[in-house]
Structures are given as C-alpha cells and as structure tokens.
Protein backbone atom coordinates (compact mmCIF):
# COMPACT_ATOMS: atom_id res chain seq x y z
CA MET A 1 102.92 81.38 78.43
CA ALA A 2 103.71 85.21 80.05
CA LYS A 3 102.58 87.03 76.56
CA MET A 4 99.80 85.03 76.41
CA LYS A 5 98.27 85.78 79.55
CA GLN A 6 99.48 89.82 78.99
CA LYS A 7 97.51 89.34 75.71
CA SER A 8 94.39 87.95 77.61
CA THR A 9 94.59 90.63 80.42
CA LEU A 10 95.01 93.72 77.84
CA ALA A 11 92.16 91.86 75.92
CA TRP A 12 90.32 91.95 79.26
CA LEU A 13 91.08 95.90 80.15
CA LEU A 14 90.37 97.17 76.41
CA VAL A 15 86.72 94.80 77.07
CA ILE A 16 86.11 96.75 80.38
CA LEU A 17 87.10 100.37 79.29
CA THR A 18 84.89 100.17 76.53
CA GLY A 19 82.06 98.58 77.92
CA ALA A 20 82.35 101.05 80.44
CA VAL A 21 82.84 104.00 77.72
CA PHE A 22 79.60 102.69 76.26
CA LEU A 23 77.37 102.37 79.80
CA GLU A 24 78.69 105.88 80.75
CA GLU A 25 78.01 107.23 76.89
CA LEU A 26 74.28 106.06 77.72
CA LEU A 27 73.84 107.30 81.05
CA ILE A 28 75.47 110.90 80.19
CA LEU A 29 72.58 110.73 76.92
CA ALA A 30 69.43 110.15 78.97
CA PHE A 31 71.21 112.44 81.55
CA LEU A 32 71.23 115.14 78.73
CA ASP A 33 67.49 114.06 78.51
CA PHE A 34 66.36 115.57 81.24
CA PHE A 35 67.82 118.89 80.30
CA PRO A 36 65.10 121.52 78.08
CA ALA A 37 66.19 121.72 74.50
CA LEU A 38 69.72 123.11 74.35
CA PRO A 39 71.76 123.97 71.50
CA LYS A 40 73.83 121.36 69.53
CA MET A 41 77.19 122.75 70.64
CA ALA A 42 76.13 123.34 74.22
CA VAL A 43 74.98 119.41 74.09
CA LEU A 44 78.46 118.19 72.29
CA VAL A 45 80.69 120.02 74.95
CA LEU A 46 78.48 119.32 77.83
CA ASP A 47 78.48 115.26 76.31
CA ALA A 48 82.03 115.68 76.09
CA THR A 49 83.36 117.16 79.76
CA LEU A 50 80.47 114.68 81.38
CA LEU A 51 82.51 111.45 79.27
CA ALA A 52 86.06 112.84 80.82
CA ALA A 53 84.98 113.79 83.79
CA PHE A 54 83.78 109.95 84.49
CA ILE A 55 86.44 108.21 82.38
CA PHE A 56 89.02 109.54 84.30
CA PRO A 57 88.89 107.44 87.73
CA ILE A 58 88.27 104.39 85.71
CA PHE A 59 91.29 105.15 83.61
CA TYR A 60 93.17 106.03 86.07
CA PHE A 61 92.50 103.08 88.24
CA LEU A 62 92.50 100.31 85.65
CA VAL A 63 95.41 101.66 83.50
CA TYR A 64 97.59 104.55 84.76
CA ARG A 65 98.59 103.53 88.08
CA PRO A 66 98.80 100.08 87.68
CA MET A 67 101.06 100.91 84.70
CA SER A 68 103.44 103.28 87.08
CA GLN A 69 103.38 100.43 89.91
CA ASN A 70 104.50 98.17 86.91
CA ILE A 71 107.28 100.39 86.18
CA ALA A 72 108.63 101.49 89.33
CA GLU A 73 108.96 97.58 89.98
CA LEU A 74 110.85 97.49 86.47
CA ARG A 75 113.11 100.16 87.60
CA GLN A 76 113.84 98.19 91.20
CA THR A 77 114.31 95.15 89.42
CA GLY A 78 117.27 96.51 87.04
CA GLU A 79 118.59 98.14 89.45
CA ARG A 80 118.67 94.82 91.86
CA LEU A 81 119.84 93.02 88.76
CA ARG A 82 123.18 95.90 87.77
CA THR A 83 123.65 95.16 91.70
CA VAL A 84 124.11 91.80 91.19
CA SER A 85 125.87 91.42 88.09
CA ILE A 86 128.52 93.75 89.73
CA ALA A 87 128.54 90.90 92.69
CA PHE A 88 128.19 88.23 90.70
CA GLU A 89 131.75 89.90 89.03
CA SER A 90 133.42 89.60 92.26
CA LYS A 91 136.99 88.40 92.85
CA ASP A 92 135.60 85.35 94.14
CA PRO A 93 134.77 82.27 91.95
CA ILE A 94 131.18 81.93 92.09
CA LEU A 95 128.86 79.41 90.18
CA ILE A 96 125.33 79.37 90.06
CA THR A 97 122.98 76.16 89.78
CA ASP A 98 119.51 75.02 89.00
CA ALA A 99 117.46 72.90 92.09
CA HIS A 100 118.69 69.93 89.99
CA SER A 101 122.71 71.10 90.61
CA ASN A 102 123.08 72.15 86.93
CA ILE A 103 125.65 74.84 86.18
CA LEU A 104 123.56 77.82 84.97
CA LEU A 105 126.42 80.75 85.43
CA ALA A 106 129.75 80.59 85.91
CA ASN A 107 131.92 84.44 87.02
CA LYS A 108 135.28 84.93 85.34
CA SER A 109 136.74 84.01 88.60
CA PHE A 110 135.45 80.53 88.56
CA LEU A 111 136.52 80.33 84.63
CA LYS A 112 139.90 81.03 84.78
CA LEU A 113 140.12 79.23 88.42
CA SER A 114 138.55 76.09 86.12
CA GLY A 115 140.01 76.62 82.88
CA TYR A 116 136.55 75.42 81.33
CA SER A 117 134.90 77.77 79.28
CA ALA A 118 131.01 78.99 79.97
CA GLU A 119 129.85 76.84 77.18
CA GLU A 120 131.43 74.28 78.56
CA LEU A 121 129.92 73.87 81.66
CA VAL A 122 126.77 75.38 81.45
CA GLY A 123 123.65 72.24 81.99
CA GLN A 124 126.80 70.09 83.36
CA ASN A 125 126.68 69.23 87.57
CA PRO A 126 129.19 70.41 89.38
CA ARG A 127 130.66 67.17 89.94
CA ILE A 128 132.96 68.28 86.67
CA VAL A 129 135.25 69.74 89.33
CA LYS A 130 135.10 67.18 92.00
CA SER A 131 138.12 65.68 93.70
CA GLU A 132 138.36 62.29 94.31
CA ARG A 133 139.97 63.21 97.40
CA PHE A 134 136.60 62.96 98.98
CA THR A 135 134.90 60.23 100.31
CA ARG A 136 131.00 59.37 98.64
CA ASP A 137 130.35 60.09 102.85
CA PHE A 138 131.87 63.31 102.70
CA TYR A 139 129.17 64.71 100.01
CA ASN A 140 126.16 63.31 101.62
CA LYS A 141 126.94 64.86 105.04
CA MET A 142 127.13 68.12 103.10
CA TRP A 143 123.83 67.42 100.86
CA HIS A 144 122.11 66.69 104.11
CA GLN A 145 123.21 69.91 105.79
CA LEU A 146 122.44 72.07 102.78
CA LEU A 147 119.33 70.37 102.48
CA ARG A 148 118.55 70.75 106.18
CA ASP A 149 120.00 74.58 106.58
CA GLY A 150 119.83 76.04 103.30
CA SER A 151 123.38 76.05 103.55
CA TRP A 152 126.71 74.60 103.58
CA SER A 153 130.33 75.64 103.99
CA GLY A 154 133.86 73.70 104.22
CA GLU A 155 137.23 72.74 102.54
CA ILE A 156 137.24 71.39 99.35
CA ARG A 157 139.59 71.06 96.21
CA ILE A 158 138.70 71.67 92.71
CA ARG A 159 140.05 69.96 89.90
CA ASP A 160 140.68 71.68 87.21
CA LYS A 161 140.65 71.86 83.79
CA ARG A 162 143.73 69.59 83.21
CA GLY A 163 143.40 67.47 86.74
CA ILE A 164 144.71 69.60 89.10
CA GLU A 165 144.02 70.01 92.29
CA ILE A 166 143.19 73.20 93.72
CA PRO A 167 141.97 73.98 97.82
CA SER A 168 139.62 76.26 98.16
CA GLY A 169 136.99 77.04 101.06
CA ILE A 170 133.01 76.86 99.73
CA VAL A 171 130.23 78.10 101.12
CA ILE A 172 126.66 77.10 99.19
CA SER A 173 123.27 79.02 99.81
CA ALA A 174 120.26 77.54 98.56
CA VAL A 175 118.14 80.61 97.07
CA LYS A 176 114.31 79.81 97.61
CA ASN A 177 111.23 81.33 96.37
CA GLU A 178 107.95 82.29 98.09
CA GLN A 179 106.74 78.36 99.05
CA LYS A 180 110.27 78.00 100.19
CA GLU A 181 111.36 75.43 97.54
CA THR A 182 114.81 76.14 96.52
CA THR A 183 115.06 77.20 93.44
CA HIS A 184 118.52 77.57 92.45
CA TYR A 185 121.99 76.94 94.83
CA VAL A 186 124.52 79.71 94.35
CA ALA A 187 128.69 78.48 95.15
CA ILE A 188 131.43 80.67 96.44
CA TYR A 189 134.30 80.14 96.84
CA THR A 190 137.31 81.61 98.38
CA ILE A 191 141.26 80.46 96.95
C-alpha cells in the first residue's frame, strides 16, 4: 500500500513538474516575441537562462526541500532505532507484544530466562510463561489498571519452558500512537 502511494505521489510530482516546465517555456517564448529580432544564439541563451531561473524555485520547493526533510527524518529514525536496539538488548528481560497481546519480540535475556527460542514465542500470548500461582482475579486487576493507566508494575512469577517458576518484578507499559490508541505493550522484567 505504501509503495502504491509513493508511486502515485511520484507520478503526480512528475506531472506537475512537466506541466510547470511546459507552461514556463510557453511564457518565456511569448515574452521573447516582444523583443526585436535577436540572433538565434541569443534567443537560445536567454530562453535557457530564464527557464532555469524560473524552474529553480519550483524544483526547490517541490523536490529538493521535501527530499532533504525526508533524509533528515530518516537519519533521526535510524538514530532512534540504534538507541532502541541497544536498550532492547539490555540485561533485563524484555518482551514486546502487539495491541492484542501477541508476542512480537523477546530480547536475548528473556529467551535465556524462559528457555524458549524466539520462534517458539513469536505469535504466542505471554500466558505461555504465566504461573498458575496467581488467580484470574489478579490478572483481571492487572489488565484493568494497564488499560486505565497505561502501565502496571508488580511482582509475578515466570514459568520457564521446563515448568520452573522464577520470581520476578515486572513493569508493563502501553505504547500509544498519535490517536492515543494502544499499538504495543512492552514488559520489562527484573530478576
């Protein structure tokens, strides 16, 4: 979908630029008709100079400026991604889910703690590591606070792949988009 939109935007930009060059050339040729007979070379040089002078602002505002802003945004995004990737690979186990609580990512510390591989976890619900020690009421209260406040912290137990329960602190935070809709949950465990 994004590629289709990019192609459509690029096509419109080409149409606008082509149309602008065509109209400017017509105006320049009409303007040059007002001059007395000039040598052909002078007409060509004057035509090219005026066209370049008039097309530059259009090219600058429609192509160069937006492109340089996009490049700056891409650099910022790349820097943020590098920072996040370093933070994600911290010593603390981290689990990231989508808004429906399907596991998307688990860092190396979480994989080591749980004994699961990334392939075994991705797409699963975090219940895969849920301890039977806590009641349904405990988890309902946790979700109620998480949905109401956007975060929850407390003490839980993680059940690893072998079934061994490991006590842990946890902080779960909701990640929201510009419309204030939850898109992801990030859980950071402290052992």
